Amino acid sequence: MQEFGKVLVVIGSVVVIVGAVLWKFGSFGPLGRLPGDIAVQRENFSFHFPIVTCLLLSALATLVMWLLRR
């Protein structure tokens, strides 16, 4: 069980580092602006839901996890 805790700490640290880099330097290429992502902008309201980006990242994460288990 301690190994699982270490893995979670490493994954959390990586997420924090990637988040800080993205926050500092802006976007991460075309992610979040792919065709199919929902973006609505009005005068005083904006809504953005990157559904295609979420699906793409989910498929990539699934592939990585599948490869790590082999």
PDB file of N, CA and C in Angstrom:
ATOM      1  N   MET A   1       0.813  -1.190   0.000  1.00  0.00           N
ATOM      2  CA  MET A   1       0.000   0.000   0.000  1.00  0.00           C
ATOM      3  C   MET A   1       0.863   1.262   0.000  1.00  0.00           C
ATOM      4  N   GLN A   2       2.065   1.179   0.570  1.00  0.00           N
ATOM      5  CA  GLN A   2       2.943   2.344   0.597  1.00  0.00           C
ATOM      6  C   GLN A   2       3.424   2.701  -0.808  1.00  0.00           C
ATOM      7  N   GLU A   3       3.606   1.707  -1.660  1.00  0.00           N
ATOM      8  CA  GLU A   3       4.021   1.971  -3.032  1.00  0.00           C
ATOM      9  C   GLU A   3       2.952   2.776  -3.776  1.00  0.00           C
ATOM     10  N   PHE A   4       1.691   2.438  -3.533  1.00  0.00           N
ATOM     11  CA  PHE A   4       0.597   3.168  -4.169  1.00  0.00           C
ATOM     12  C   PHE A   4       0.593   4.630  -3.728  1.00  0.00           C
ATOM     13  N   GLY A   5       0.874   4.873  -2.460  1.00  0.00           N
ATOM     14  CA  GLY A   5       0.955   6.237  -1.951  1.00  0.00           C
ATOM     15  C   GLY A   5       2.082   7.012  -2.612  1.00  0.00           C
ATOM     16  N   LYS A   6       3.211   6.364  -2.818  1.00  0.00           N
ATOM     17  CA  LYS A   6       4.335   7.020  -3.483  1.00  0.00           C
ATOM     18  C   LYS A   6       3.983   7.363  -4.926  1.00  0.00           C
ATOM     19  N   VAL A   7       3.293   6.447  -5.592  1.00  0.00           N
ATOM     20  CA  VAL A   7       2.878   6.702  -6.976  1.00  0.00           C
ATOM     21  C   VAL A   7       1.926   7.894  -7.029  1.00  0.00           C
ATOM     22  N   LEU A   8       0.996   7.970  -6.099  1.00  0.00           N
ATOM     23  CA  LEU A   8       0.067   9.103  -6.065  1.00  0.00           C
ATOM     24  C   LEU A   8       0.791  10.422  -5.825  1.00  0.00           C
ATOM     25  N   VAL A   9       1.790  10.419  -4.957  1.00  0.00           N
ATOM     26  CA  VAL A   9       2.563  11.637  -4.700  1.00  0.00           C
ATOM     27  C   VAL A   9       3.314  12.059  -5.956  1.00  0.00           C
ATOM     28  N   VAL A  10       3.912  11.115  -6.659  1.00  0.00           N
ATOM     29  CA  VAL A  10       4.634  11.443  -7.889  1.00  0.00           C
ATOM     30  C   VAL A  10       3.682  11.978  -8.951  1.00  0.00           C
ATOM     31  N   ILE A  11       2.553  11.329  -9.129  1.00  0.00           N
ATOM     32  CA  ILE A  11       1.576  11.792 -10.118  1.00  0.00           C
ATOM     33  C   ILE A  11       1.066  13.187  -9.756  1.00  0.00           C
ATOM     34  N   GLY A  12       0.783  13.417  -8.484  1.00  0.00           N
ATOM     35  CA  GLY A  12       0.339  14.733  -8.048  1.00  0.00           C
ATOM     36  C   GLY A  12       1.390  15.802  -8.281  1.00  0.00           C
ATOM     37  N   SER A  13       2.645  15.467  -8.033  1.00  0.00           N
ATOM     38  CA  SER A  13       3.732  16.419  -8.258  1.00  0.00           C
ATOM     39  C   SER A  13       3.863  16.769  -9.739  1.00  0.00           C
ATOM     40  N   VAL A  14       3.739  15.767 -10.592  1.00  0.00           N
ATOM     41  CA  VAL A  14       3.809  16.010 -12.031  1.00  0.00           C
ATOM     42  C   VAL A  14       2.659  16.904 -12.476  1.00  0.00           C
ATOM     43  N   VAL A  15       1.468  16.656 -11.967  1.00  0.00           N
ATOM     44  CA  VAL A  15       0.306  17.480 -12.324  1.00  0.00           C
ATOM     45  C   VAL A  15       0.514  18.924 -11.880  1.00  0.00           C
ATOM     46  N   VAL A  16       1.054  19.122 -10.682  1.00  0.00           N
ATOM     47  CA  VAL A  16       1.304  20.476 -10.187  1.00  0.00           C
ATOM     48  C   VAL A  16       2.344  21.182 -11.054  1.00  0.00           C
ATOM     49  N   ILE A  17       3.407  20.496 -11.427  1.00  0.00           N
ATOM     50  CA  ILE A  17       4.454  21.103 -12.248  1.00  0.00           C
ATOM     51  C   ILE A  17       3.917  21.470 -13.627  1.00  0.00           C
ATOM     52  N   VAL A  18       3.182  20.549 -14.244  1.00  0.00           N
ATOM     53  CA  VAL A  18       2.605  20.836 -15.563  1.00  0.00           C
ATOM     54  C   VAL A  18       1.620  21.992 -15.467  1.00  0.00           C
ATOM     55  N   GLY A  19       0.809  22.018 -14.422  1.00  0.00           N
ATOM     56  CA  GLY A  19      -0.131  23.119 -14.230  1.00  0.00           C
ATOM     57  C   GLY A  19       0.575  24.453 -14.062  1.00  0.00           C
ATOM     58  N   ALA A  20       1.661  24.477 -13.310  1.00  0.00           N
ATOM     59  CA  ALA A  20       2.417  25.717 -13.118  1.00  0.00           C
ATOM     60  C   ALA A  20       3.044  26.200 -14.420  1.00  0.00           C
ATOM     61  N   VAL A  21       3.568  25.269 -15.207  1.00  0.00           N
ATOM     62  CA  VAL A  21       4.164  25.647 -16.495  1.00  0.00           C
ATOM     63  C   VAL A  21       3.101  26.200 -17.438  1.00  0.00           C
ATOM     64  N   LEU A  22       1.952  25.539 -17.489  1.00  0.00           N
ATOM     65  CA  LEU A  22       0.875  26.029 -18.350  1.00  0.00           C
ATOM     66  C   LEU A  22       0.351  27.370 -17.874  1.00  0.00           C
ATOM     67  N   TRP A  23       0.287  27.568 -16.582  1.00  0.00           N
ATOM     68  CA  TRP A  23      -0.187  28.828 -16.028  1.00  0.00           C
ATOM     69  C   TRP A  23       0.792  29.953 -16.371  1.00  0.00           C
ATOM     70  N   LYS A  24       2.076  29.655 -16.308  1.00  0.00           N
ATOM     71  CA  LYS A  24       3.106  30.663 -16.561  1.00  0.00           C
ATOM     72  C   LYS A  24       3.211  31.004 -18.041  1.00  0.00           C
ATOM     73  N   PHE A  25       3.206  29.986 -18.898  1.00  0.00           N
ATOM     74  CA  PHE A  25       3.478  30.213 -20.312  1.00  0.00           C
ATOM     75  C   PHE A  25       2.245  30.186 -21.198  1.00  0.00           C
ATOM     76  N   GLY A  26       1.067  30.070 -20.627  1.00  0.00           N
ATOM     77  CA  GLY A  26      -0.151  30.123 -21.428  1.00  0.00           C
ATOM     78  C   GLY A  26      -0.646  28.763 -21.846  1.00  0.00           C
ATOM     79  N   SER A  27      -1.080  28.661 -23.061  1.00  0.00           N
ATOM     80  CA  SER A  27      -1.753  27.448 -23.527  1.00  0.00           C
ATOM     81  C   SER A  27      -0.774  26.329 -23.861  1.00  0.00           C
ATOM     82  N   PHE A  28      -1.325  25.205 -24.190  1.00  0.00           N
ATOM     83  CA  PHE A  28      -0.547  24.012 -24.522  1.00  0.00           C
ATOM     84  C   PHE A  28      -0.862  23.624 -25.955  1.00  0.00           C
ATOM     85  N   GLY A  29      -0.483  24.481 -26.885  1.00  0.00           N
ATOM     86  CA  GLY A  29      -0.733  24.219 -28.299  1.00  0.00           C
ATOM     87  C   GLY A  29      -2.207  24.329 -28.630  1.00  0.00           C
ATOM     88  N   PRO A  30      -2.689  23.471 -29.525  1.00  0.00           N
ATOM     89  CA  PRO A  30      -4.090  23.557 -29.937  1.00  0.00           C
ATOM     90  C   PRO A  30      -5.060  22.892 -28.969  1.00  0.00           C
ATOM     91  N   LEU A  31      -4.560  22.272 -27.884  1.00  0.00           N
ATOM     92  CA  LEU A  31      -5.465  21.628 -26.944  1.00  0.00           C
ATOM     93  C   LEU A  31      -6.394  22.659 -26.326  1.00  0.00           C
ATOM     94  N   GLY A  32      -7.668  22.344 -26.310  1.00  0.00           N
ATOM     95  CA  GLY A  32      -8.667  23.262 -25.797  1.00  0.00           C
ATOM     96  C   GLY A  32      -9.319  24.079 -26.885  1.00  0.00           C
ATOM     97  N   ARG A  33      -8.770  24.017 -28.092  1.00  0.00           N
ATOM     98  CA  ARG A  33      -9.345  24.745 -29.221  1.00  0.00           C
ATOM     99  C   ARG A  33      -9.502  23.845 -30.435  1.00  0.00           C
ATOM    100  N   LEU A  34      -9.724  22.574 -30.193  1.00  0.00           N
ATOM    101  CA  LEU A  34      -9.882  21.625 -31.288  1.00  0.00           C
ATOM    102  C   LEU A  34     -11.282  21.740 -31.893  1.00  0.00           C
ATOM    103  N   PRO A  35     -11.435  21.328 -33.162  1.00  0.00           N
ATOM    104  CA  PRO A  35     -12.777  21.305 -33.735  1.00  0.00           C
ATOM    105  C   PRO A  35     -13.675  20.378 -32.914  1.00  0.00           C
ATOM    106  N   GLY A  36     -14.833  20.841 -32.556  1.00  0.00           N
ATOM    107  CA  GLY A  36     -15.747  20.062 -31.737  1.00  0.00           C
ATOM    108  C   GLY A  36     -15.807  20.541 -30.298  1.00  0.00           C
ATOM    109  N   ASP A  37     -14.812  21.317 -29.857  1.00  0.00           N
ATOM    110  CA  ASP A  37     -14.868  21.915 -28.528  1.00  0.00           C
ATOM    111  C   ASP A  37     -15.944  22.998 -28.531  1.00  0.00           C
ATOM    112  N   ILE A  38     -16.696  23.057 -27.457  1.00  0.00           N
ATOM    113  CA  ILE A  38     -17.821  23.983 -27.375  1.00  0.00           C
ATOM    114  C   ILE A  38     -17.350  25.297 -26.766  1.00  0.00           C
ATOM    115  N   ALA A  39     -17.586  26.384 -27.480  1.00  0.00           N
ATOM    116  CA  ALA A  39     -17.226  27.709 -26.984  1.00  0.00           C
ATOM    117  C   ALA A  39     -18.356  28.677 -27.331  1.00  0.00           C
ATOM    118  N   VAL A  40     -18.905  29.319 -26.311  1.00  0.00           N
ATOM    119  CA  VAL A  40     -19.975  30.293 -26.497  1.00  0.00           C
ATOM    120  C   VAL A  40     -19.513  31.599 -25.862  1.00  0.00           C
ATOM    121  N   GLN A  41     -19.548  32.684 -26.646  1.00  0.00           N
ATOM    122  CA  GLN A  41     -19.158  33.989 -26.114  1.00  0.00           C
ATOM    123  C   GLN A  41     -20.250  34.997 -26.417  1.00  0.00           C
ATOM    124  N   ARG A  42     -20.679  35.667 -25.370  1.00  0.00           N
ATOM    125  CA  ARG A  42     -21.672  36.738 -25.475  1.00  0.00           C
ATOM    126  C   ARG A  42     -21.044  38.010 -24.920  1.00  0.00           C
ATOM    127  N   GLU A  43     -21.814  39.067 -24.828  1.00  0.00           N
ATOM    128  CA  GLU A  43     -21.288  40.337 -24.333  1.00  0.00           C
ATOM    129  C   GLU A  43     -20.670  40.220 -22.944  1.00  0.00           C
ATOM    130  N   ASN A  44     -21.403  39.655 -22.012  1.00  0.00           N
ATOM    131  CA  ASN A  44     -20.910  39.582 -20.636  1.00  0.00           C
ATOM    132  C   ASN A  44     -20.834  38.141 -20.122  1.00  0.00           C
ATOM    133  N   PHE A  45     -20.716  37.196 -21.019  1.00  0.00           N
ATOM    134  CA  PHE A  45     -20.722  35.796 -20.631  1.00  0.00           C
ATOM    135  C   PHE A  45     -19.897  34.983 -21.622  1.00  0.00           C
ATOM    136  N   SER A  46     -19.089  34.087 -21.104  1.00  0.00           N
ATOM    137  CA  SER A  46     -18.390  33.156 -21.986  1.00  0.00           C
ATOM    138  C   SER A  46     -18.402  31.777 -21.342  1.00  0.00           C
ATOM    139  N   PHE A  47     -18.568  30.765 -22.169  1.00  0.00           N
ATOM    140  CA  PHE A  47     -18.618  29.387 -21.712  1.00  0.00           C
ATOM    141  C   PHE A  47     -17.757  28.559 -22.654  1.00  0.00           C
ATOM    142  N   HIS A  48     -16.880  27.761 -22.071  1.00  0.00           N
ATOM    143  CA  HIS A  48     -15.995  26.931 -22.881  1.00  0.00           C
ATOM    144  C   HIS A  48     -15.960  25.533 -22.290  1.00  0.00           C
ATOM    145  N   PHE A  49     -16.283  24.534 -23.105  1.00  0.00           N
ATOM    146  CA  PHE A  49     -16.205  23.142 -22.673  1.00  0.00           C
ATOM    147  C   PHE A  49     -15.451  22.354 -23.736  1.00  0.00           C
ATOM    148  N   PRO A  50     -14.197  22.001 -23.452  1.00  0.00           N
ATOM    149  CA  PRO A  50     -13.364  21.318 -24.449  1.00  0.00           C
ATOM    150  C   PRO A  50     -13.636  19.811 -24.502  1.00  0.00           C
ATOM    151  N   ILE A  51     -14.781  19.418 -25.019  1.00  0.00           N
ATOM    152  CA  ILE A  51     -15.176  18.014 -24.988  1.00  0.00           C
ATOM    153  C   ILE A  51     -14.273  17.138 -25.855  1.00  0.00           C
ATOM    154  N   VAL A  52     -13.890  17.599 -27.029  1.00  0.00           N
ATOM    155  CA  VAL A  52     -13.026  16.801 -27.899  1.00  0.00           C
ATOM    156  C   VAL A  52     -11.634  16.676 -27.279  1.00  0.00           C
ATOM    157  N   THR A  53     -11.150  17.736 -26.662  1.00  0.00           N
ATOM    158  CA  THR A  53      -9.868  17.684 -25.977  1.00  0.00           C
ATOM    159  C   THR A  53      -9.918  16.680 -24.835  1.00  0.00           C
ATOM    160  N   CYS A  54     -11.009  16.672 -24.084  1.00  0.00           N
ATOM    161  CA  CYS A  54     -11.163  15.707 -22.987  1.00  0.00           C
ATOM    162  C   CYS A  54     -11.167  14.282 -23.520  1.00  0.00           C
ATOM    163  N   LEU A  55     -11.870  14.029 -24.605  1.00  0.00           N
ATOM    164  CA  LEU A  55     -11.910  12.694 -25.193  1.00  0.00           C
ATOM    165  C   LEU A  55     -10.533  12.265 -25.697  1.00  0.00           C
ATOM    166  N   LEU A  56      -9.815  13.185 -26.312  1.00  0.00           N
ATOM    167  CA  LEU A  56      -8.484  12.884 -26.817  1.00  0.00           C
ATOM    168  C   LEU A  56      -7.521  12.570 -25.677  1.00  0.00           C
ATOM    169  N   LEU A  57      -7.529  13.370 -24.622  1.00  0.00           N
ATOM    170  CA  LEU A  57      -6.656  13.129 -23.479  1.00  0.00           C
ATOM    171  C   LEU A  57      -7.031  11.833 -22.761  1.00  0.00           C
ATOM    172  N   SER A  58      -8.310  11.527 -22.693  1.00  0.00           N
ATOM    173  CA  SER A  58      -8.750  10.283 -22.075  1.00  0.00           C
ATOM    174  C   SER A  58      -8.260   9.074 -22.875  1.00  0.00           C
ATOM    175  N   ALA A  59      -8.363   9.145 -24.186  1.00  0.00           N
ATOM    176  CA  ALA A  59      -7.880   8.053 -25.022  1.00  0.00           C
ATOM    177  C   ALA A  59      -6.368   7.889 -24.891  1.00  0.00           C
ATOM    178  N   LEU A  60      -5.651   8.992 -24.834  1.00  0.00           N
ATOM    179  CA  LEU A  60      -4.201   8.938 -24.665  1.00  0.00           C
ATOM    180  C   LEU A  60      -3.824   8.341 -23.310  1.00  0.00           C
ATOM    181  N   ALA A  61      -4.502   8.751 -22.250  1.00  0.00           N
ATOM    182  CA  ALA A  61      -4.233   8.211 -20.915  1.00  0.00           C
ATOM    183  C   ALA A  61      -4.562   6.721 -20.853  1.00  0.00           C
ATOM    184  N   THR A  62      -5.643   6.306 -21.504  1.00  0.00           N
ATOM    185  CA  THR A  62      -6.009   4.894 -21.545  1.00  0.00           C
ATOM    186  C   THR A  62      -4.941   4.085 -22.273  1.00  0.00           C
ATOM    187  N   LEU A  63      -4.439   4.605 -23.375  1.00  0.00           N
ATOM    188  CA  LEU A  63      -3.389   3.926 -24.122  1.00  0.00           C
ATOM    189  C   LEU A  63      -2.114   3.790 -23.292  1.00  0.00           C
ATOM    190  N   VAL A  64      -1.716   4.850 -22.614  1.00  0.00           N
ATOM    191  CA  VAL A  64      -0.522   4.815 -21.774  1.00  0.00           C
ATOM    192  C   VAL A  64      -0.682   3.797 -20.653  1.00  0.00           C
ATOM    193  N   MET A  65      -1.824   3.815 -19.983  1.00  0.00           N
ATOM    194  CA  MET A  65      -2.058   2.861 -18.898  1.00  0.00           C
ATOM    195  C   MET A  65      -2.069   1.422 -19.425  1.00  0.00           C
ATOM    196  N   TRP A  66      -2.654   1.196 -20.594  1.00  0.00           N
ATOM    197  CA  TRP A  66      -2.687  -0.128 -21.185  1.00  0.00           C
ATOM    198  C   TRP A  66      -1.259  -0.613 -21.506  1.00  0.00           C
ATOM    199  N   LEU A  67      -0.438   0.300 -22.039  1.00  0.00           N
ATOM    200  CA  LEU A  67       0.942  -0.067 -22.354  1.00  0.00           C
ATOM    201  C   LEU A  67       1.765  -0.341 -21.106  1.00  0.00           C
ATOM    202  N   LEU A  68       1.502   0.386 -20.029  1.00  0.00           N
ATOM    203  CA  LEU A  68       2.234   0.174 -18.774  1.00  0.00           C
ATOM    204  C   LEU A  68       1.865  -1.153 -18.110  1.00  0.00           C
ATOM    205  N   ARG A  69       0.663  -1.631 -18.331  1.00  0.00           N
ATOM    206  CA  ARG A  69       0.228  -2.892 -17.729  1.00  0.00           C
ATOM    207  C   ARG A  69       0.739  -4.115 -18.475  1.00  0.00           C
ATOM    208  N   ARG A  70       1.183  -3.950 -19.685  1.00  0.00           N
ATOM    209  CA  ARG A  70       1.657  -5.096 -20.482  1.00  0.00           C
ATOM    210  C   ARG A  70       2.997  -5.530 -20.051  1.00  0.00           C
TER     211      ARG A  70
END
